[in-house]
Protein backbone atom coordinates (compact mmCIF):
# COMPACT_ATOMS: atom_id res chain seq x y z
CA UNK A 1 -11.40 19.27 18.91
CA UNK A 2 -11.19 16.05 16.88
CA UNK A 3 -10.52 15.78 13.37
CA UNK A 4 -12.07 13.41 10.58
CA UNK A 5 -10.33 13.25 7.42
CA UNK A 6 -10.88 11.74 4.23
CA UNK A 7 -9.90 11.14 0.65
CA UNK A 8 -10.29 15.07 -0.08
CA UNK A 9 -7.24 15.87 2.21
CA UNK A 10 -5.00 13.80 -0.09
CA UNK A 11 -6.44 14.61 -3.37
CA UNK A 12 -4.16 17.85 -3.66
CA UNK A 13 -1.27 15.73 -3.44
CA UNK A 14 -2.27 13.16 -6.37
CA UNK A 15 -4.08 10.50 -4.55
CA UNK A 16 -7.42 9.81 -6.68
CA UNK A 17 -10.51 10.08 -4.24
CA UNK A 18 -12.92 7.29 -4.41
CA UNK A 19 -16.24 9.12 -4.70
CA UNK A 20 -15.71 12.48 -6.58
CA UNK A 21 -16.28 12.95 -10.31
CA UNK A 22 -12.82 11.40 -11.13
CA UNK A 23 -13.10 8.90 -8.11
CA UNK A 24 -11.90 5.21 -8.01
CA UNK A 25 -14.94 3.62 -7.46
CA UNK A 26 -16.04 5.11 -11.00
CA UNK A 27 -13.41 3.20 -12.76
CA UNK A 28 -13.23 0.12 -10.81
CA UNK A 29 -15.59 -2.28 -9.10
CA UNK A 30 -15.34 -2.58 -5.44
CA UNK A 31 -16.48 -6.15 -5.55
CA UNK A 32 -13.62 -6.80 -7.98
CA UNK A 33 -10.96 -5.23 -5.92
CA UNK A 34 -11.54 -4.57 -2.50
CA UNK A 35 -13.35 -7.79 -1.07
CA UNK A 36 -11.98 -10.88 0.77
CA UNK A 37 -14.01 -12.76 -1.92
CA UNK A 38 -12.31 -10.82 -4.59
CA UNK A 39 -8.35 -11.84 -3.36
CA UNK A 40 -9.32 -15.51 -2.86
CA UNK A 41 -10.79 -14.98 -6.29
CA UNK A 42 -8.23 -13.40 -7.86
CA UNK A 43 -5.34 -12.46 -5.81
CA UNK A 44 -2.86 -11.21 -8.76
CA UNK A 45 -5.45 -8.75 -10.12
CA UNK A 46 -5.97 -7.06 -6.43
CA UNK A 47 -2.21 -7.08 -5.93
CA UNK A 48 -1.69 -5.23 -9.28
CA UNK A 49 -4.32 -2.62 -8.41
CA UNK A 50 -2.32 -2.10 -4.93
CA UNK A 51 1.06 -2.18 -6.70
CA UNK A 52 -0.32 0.96 -8.48
CA UNK A 53 -1.86 2.75 -5.62
CA UNK A 54 1.46 2.03 -3.44
CA UNK A 55 3.34 3.63 -6.00
CA UNK A 56 1.31 6.73 -6.08
CA UNK A 57 1.29 7.23 -2.69
CA UNK A 58 5.25 6.38 -2.18
CA UNK A 59 5.74 9.48 -4.94
CA UNK A 60 3.25 11.96 -3.46
CA UNK A 61 4.24 14.30 -0.79
CA UNK A 62 2.34 15.78 1.97
CA UNK A 63 0.16 19.00 0.89
CA UNK A 64 -0.25 22.35 2.91
CA UNK A 65 -3.49 20.72 4.01
CA UNK A 66 -1.87 18.01 5.67
CA UNK A 67 0.77 19.99 7.26
CA UNK A 68 -1.26 22.52 8.59
CA UNK A 69 -3.48 19.70 10.23
CA UNK A 70 -0.26 18.22 11.76
CA UNK A 71 0.52 21.68 13.02
CA UNK A 72 -2.91 22.01 14.74
CA UNK A 73 -2.36 18.64 16.19
CA UNK A 74 1.21 19.73 17.83
CA UNK A 75 -0.40 23.08 18.90
CA UNK A 76 -2.95 20.92 20.80
CA UNK A 77 -5.89 22.97 19.01
CA UNK A 78 -6.80 19.19 17.22
CA UNK A 79 -6.29 16.81 20.17
CA UNK A 80 -6.33 13.87 17.47
CA UNK A 81 -6.73 13.24 13.84
CA UNK A 82 -8.67 10.19 12.78
CA UNK A 83 -8.44 9.19 9.04
CA UNK A 84 -10.32 6.98 6.88
CA UNK A 85 -7.38 7.24 4.50
CA UNK A 86 -4.78 4.58 4.20
CA UNK A 87 -1.81 6.19 2.85
CA UNK A 88 0.92 7.53 5.08
CA UNK A 89 0.73 11.12 4.28
CA UNK A 90 -0.55 12.34 7.87
CA UNK A 91 2.88 10.36 9.25
CA UNK A 92 5.08 12.15 7.04
CA UNK A 93 3.70 15.46 8.01
CA UNK A 94 4.71 14.59 11.47
CA UNK A 95 0.96 14.40 12.81
CA UNK A 96 1.48 13.71 16.53
CA UNK A 97 -1.85 11.84 17.17
CA UNK A 98 -3.48 9.53 14.42
CA UNK A 99 -5.93 6.91 14.48
CA UNK A 100 -6.30 4.98 11.18
CA UNK A 101 -9.83 3.49 10.79
CA UNK A 102 -9.51 1.53 7.70
CA UNK A 103 -5.88 0.34 8.08
CA UNK A 104 -2.79 1.13 6.42
CA UNK A 105 -1.73 0.35 2.77
CA UNK A 106 1.52 0.51 3.27
CA UNK A 107 1.42 -2.69 5.66
CA UNK A 108 0.92 -6.28 4.66
CA UNK A 109 -0.45 -8.96 6.90
CA UNK A 110 -0.51 -12.93 6.48
CA UNK A 111 -3.87 -14.31 5.49
CA UNK A 112 -2.96 -17.26 7.69
CA UNK A 113 -0.99 -16.54 10.59
CA UNK A 114 -0.02 -12.89 12.54
CA UNK A 115 3.00 -12.11 10.38
CA UNK A 116 2.77 -8.28 9.15
CA UNK A 117 5.55 -6.13 7.17
CA UNK A 118 5.87 -2.57 6.66
CA UNK A 119 6.61 -2.06 2.87
CA UNK A 120 10.09 -0.15 1.91
CA UNK A 121 9.63 -0.67 -1.92
CA UNK A 122 6.39 -1.55 -4.30
CA UNK A 123 5.52 -5.12 -3.82
CA UNK A 124 5.82 -7.20 -6.83
CA UNK A 125 3.20 -9.93 -7.55
CA UNK A 126 1.76 -11.87 -4.98
CA UNK A 127 3.93 -11.88 -1.66
CA UNK A 128 4.19 -14.75 0.38
CA UNK A 129 4.39 -14.96 4.10
CA UNK A 130 8.39 -15.82 4.81
CA UNK A 131 6.80 -17.72 8.22
CA UNK A 132 4.20 -19.95 6.54
CA UNK A 133 4.08 -19.50 2.76
CA UNK A 134 0.62 -18.16 2.67
CA UNK A 135 -0.26 -14.95 0.75
CA UNK A 136 0.07 -11.85 2.14
CA UNK A 137 -3.09 -9.25 1.63
CA UNK A 138 -2.95 -5.40 2.30
CA UNK A 139 -3.54 -4.52 5.77
CA UNK A 140 -6.52 -2.28 4.91
CA UNK A 141 -10.22 -2.85 5.70
CA UNK A 142 -11.83 -4.12 2.37
CA UNK A 143 -15.75 -4.01 1.90
CA UNK A 144 -17.84 -6.26 4.18
CA UNK A 145 -14.91 -6.43 6.91
CA UNK A 146 -15.58 -4.98 10.01
CA UNK A 147 -13.30 -2.04 11.12
CA UNK A 148 -10.54 -2.71 13.69
CA UNK A 149 -12.18 -2.73 17.18
CA UNK A 150 -9.32 -0.89 19.25
CA UNK A 151 -9.16 2.30 16.69
CA UNK A 152 -12.89 2.52 16.37
CA UNK A 153 -13.33 2.47 20.07
CA UNK A 154 -10.63 5.21 20.52
CA UNK A 155 -12.09 7.32 17.66
CA UNK A 156 -15.71 7.07 19.27
CA UNK A 157 -13.97 8.04 22.48
CA UNK A 158 -12.23 10.95 21.08
CA UNK A 159 -15.30 12.46 19.43
CA UNK A 160 -17.55 12.08 22.28
CA UNK A 161 -15.06 14.13 24.36
CA UNK A 162 -14.69 16.81 22.04
CA UNK A 163 -16.22 20.16 22.01
CA UNK A 164 -15.81 20.55 17.89
CA UNK A 165 -15.41 18.15 15.17
CA UNK A 166 -13.68 19.18 12.18
CA UNK A 167 -14.68 17.25 9.11
CA UNK A 168 -12.23 17.20 6.30
CA UNK A 169 -12.48 15.85 2.70
CA UNK A 170 -14.96 13.23 3.47
CA UNK A 171 -18.23 12.22 2.30
CA UNK A 172 -19.01 11.02 5.12
CA UNK A 173 -21.20 8.19 3.58
CA UNK A 174 -18.81 5.26 4.75
CA UNK A 175 -20.36 4.01 8.35
CA UNK A 176 -19.48 3.78 10.95
CA UNK A 177 -16.95 6.58 10.30
CA UNK A 178 -19.49 8.85 9.07
CA UNK A 179 -21.29 9.04 12.43
CA UNK A 180 -18.50 9.93 14.50
CA UNK A 181 -18.95 13.64 14.30
CA UNK A 182 -22.73 13.55 15.51
CA UNK A 183 -21.19 11.71 18.89
CA UNK A 184 -19.93 15.30 19.17
CA UNK A 185 -22.95 17.18 18.21
CA UNK A 186 -24.91 14.92 20.34
CA UNK A 187 -23.07 15.84 23.30
CA UNK A 188 -23.52 19.77 23.20
CA UNK A 189 -20.50 20.30 20.45
CA UNK A 190 -20.18 21.59 16.92
CA UNK A 191 -19.70 20.32 13.59
CA UNK A 192 -17.17 22.03 11.27
CA UNK A 193 -16.95 20.93 7.60
CA UNK A 194 -13.91 21.82 5.28
CA UNK A 195 -15.07 20.31 2.14
CA UNK A 196 -15.74 22.08 -1.54
CA UNK A 197 -18.95 19.86 -1.30
CA UNK A 198 -21.55 19.25 1.05
CA UNK A 199 -21.12 15.97 2.47
CA UNK A 200 -24.02 13.88 4.41
CA UNK A 201 -23.40 15.28 7.16
CA UNK A 202 -24.68 18.86 5.75
CA UNK A 203 -27.74 18.76 7.99
CA UNK A 204 -25.78 18.83 11.25
CA UNK A 205 -22.91 21.08 10.12
CA UNK A 206 -22.43 24.43 12.17
CA UNK A 207 -20.02 25.90 10.09
CA UNK A 208 -19.30 25.20 6.57
CA UNK A 209 -15.98 25.84 4.78
CA UNK A 210 -16.49 25.30 1.12
CA UNK A 211 -12.63 25.05 0.03
CA UNK A 212 -10.19 22.30 -0.75
CA UNK A 213 -8.33 21.37 2.26
CA UNK A 214 -5.00 22.28 1.11
CA UNK A 215 -6.29 26.09 1.15
CA UNK A 216 -8.63 25.98 4.10
CA UNK A 217 -6.62 24.48 6.77
CA UNK A 218 -3.54 26.67 6.17
CA UNK A 219 -5.62 29.47 6.55
CA UNK A 220 -7.55 28.44 9.85
CA UNK A 221 -3.76 27.60 10.99
CA UNK A 222 -2.88 31.21 10.14
CA UNK A 223 -5.79 32.46 12.29
CA UNK A 224 -5.08 30.31 15.39
CA UNK A 225 -1.67 31.57 15.60
CA UNK A 226 -3.06 35.32 14.97
CA UNK A 227 -5.06 34.61 18.15
CA UNK A 228 -2.48 32.80 19.89
CA UNK A 229 0.21 35.84 19.20
CA UNK A 230 -2.56 38.21 20.71
CA UNK A 231 -3.30 36.33 23.56
CA UNK A 232 0.64 36.63 24.50
CA UNK A 233 0.83 40.31 24.08
């Protein structure tokens, strides 16, 4: 099984979603904060927003959904987790196989050279590259930018080979990530959706679990453990 996660799995850790009723894009315009043009126009504003988001993430903790999914990964039930999230909650939950499609908010990269830095503290202002003095930018995928090719190819391979795709806490509206579970479906596999609300994948979903990830995933883990223990006896 391969898993695709979105903002919904981190919502119970206090990280705002993007497209929910209280989502970030209902309060902020993507073109003002999450595009290369926005950064060129006003890097101070963009970094102020990312400082706020990084602070939220640093203060957050993995919730039971993250922890249960990480355990399913360690057990080999979920071969790998592919995430659209840019937070580090899957890593802190000790997920052993993780593909980050949209980058990492805890990392910044130079706008001119190959320099990258992983943040330990929340950055202040517009950080500069120590190698060439150019502005650093968050190492995330902004609107209008392509996904990292290596990460995308790995994700496509995982879902093409999986017998089941578990889709967790995502609207599946952002492409090409939203199409990944369809690779599993086209190869004879099934799609399991964990989300309080139906996503764009609803017509293709075989099993729908209409609960929050922090509730549903621990229950799934419990059932898997029961099956595992019964097979041992």
